[in-house]
Amino acid sequence: MKKISALLVLLFVSFNLFAQNNDIEMADQMRADGKIYIVVICILIILIGLLIYLFRLDQRLKLLEKKSTHKN
């Protein structure tokens, strides 16, 4: 009985997803204006900055770990 009720719930949820409209006007307009590339570049700059920060933080932590193991 639990399997059947779970199947029915999932079936009703999937029907709701098919009823949605996949038309995204903002993305289409930004793509037409060429502004979508600016958004992608900004996201890439943020991600690259985060990766550089994490890499440098990892290097500093390794250096501190080496110093602490030599003292002990």
Protein backbone atom coordinates (compact mmCIF):
# COMPACT_ATOMS: atom_id res chain seq x y z
CA MET A 1 0.00 0.00 0.00
CA LYS A 2 2.87 2.40 0.79
CA LYS A 3 4.44 1.77 -2.60
CA ILE A 4 1.22 2.52 -4.42
CA SER A 5 0.61 5.73 -2.49
CA ALA A 6 4.21 6.85 -3.09
CA LEU A 7 3.83 6.08 -6.79
CA LEU A 8 0.62 8.13 -6.97
CA VAL A 9 2.24 11.09 -5.22
CA LEU A 10 5.21 11.02 -7.60
CA LEU A 11 2.85 10.69 -10.56
CA PHE A 12 0.86 13.77 -9.51
CA VAL A 13 4.06 15.75 -8.95
CA SER A 14 5.32 14.85 -12.41
CA PHE A 15 2.04 15.98 -14.00
CA ASN A 16 2.51 19.36 -12.35
CA LEU A 17 6.00 19.65 -13.84
CA PHE A 18 4.73 18.95 -17.35
CA ALA A 19 2.16 21.73 -16.99
CA GLN A 20 4.80 24.43 -16.50
CA ASN A 21 5.83 26.72 -19.30
CA ASN A 22 9.53 26.49 -20.22
CA ASP A 23 9.59 29.96 -21.77
CA ILE A 24 12.09 32.15 -19.91
CA GLU A 25 11.72 35.63 -21.32
CA MET A 26 14.51 37.26 -19.32
CA ALA A 27 17.17 34.78 -20.49
CA ASP A 28 15.98 35.04 -24.08
CA GLN A 29 16.09 38.84 -23.96
CA MET A 30 19.57 38.87 -22.38
CA ARG A 31 20.81 36.42 -24.99
CA ALA A 32 19.36 38.55 -27.77
CA ASP A 33 21.00 41.70 -26.38
CA GLY A 34 24.31 39.95 -25.81
CA LYS A 35 24.23 40.69 -22.08
CA ILE A 36 24.22 37.03 -21.14
CA TYR A 37 27.94 36.92 -21.85
CA ILE A 38 28.54 39.66 -19.28
CA VAL A 39 26.65 37.60 -16.70
CA VAL A 40 28.68 34.50 -17.54
CA ILE A 41 31.95 36.46 -17.30
CA CYS A 42 30.97 37.87 -13.89
CA ILE A 43 30.12 34.39 -12.59
CA LEU A 44 33.43 33.04 -13.90
CA ILE A 45 35.38 35.87 -12.25
CA ILE A 46 33.68 35.17 -8.91
CA LEU A 47 34.32 31.42 -9.16
CA ILE A 48 37.96 31.88 -10.16
CA GLY A 49 38.43 34.30 -7.25
CA LEU A 50 36.95 31.77 -4.84
CA LEU A 51 39.15 28.99 -6.18
CA ILE A 52 42.29 31.13 -5.87
CA TYR A 53 41.32 32.07 -2.31
CA LEU A 54 40.76 28.42 -1.34
CA PHE A 55 44.03 27.33 -2.95
CA ARG A 56 46.02 30.00 -1.08
CA LEU A 57 44.23 29.14 2.16
CA ASP A 58 45.14 25.48 1.69
CA GLN A 59 48.79 26.40 1.13
CA ARG A 60 48.85 28.50 4.31
CA LEU A 61 47.27 25.69 6.32
CA LYS A 62 49.84 23.20 5.03
CA LEU A 63 52.62 25.59 6.04
CA LEU A 64 51.15 25.98 9.54
CA GLU A 65 50.79 22.21 9.88
CA LYS A 66 54.43 21.70 8.91
CA LYS A 67 55.55 24.30 11.45
CA SER A 68 53.44 22.76 14.22
CA THR A 69 54.72 19.21 13.56
CA HIS A 70 58.36 20.38 13.63
CA LYS A 71 57.84 22.07 17.01
CA ASN A 72 56.44 18.90 18.59
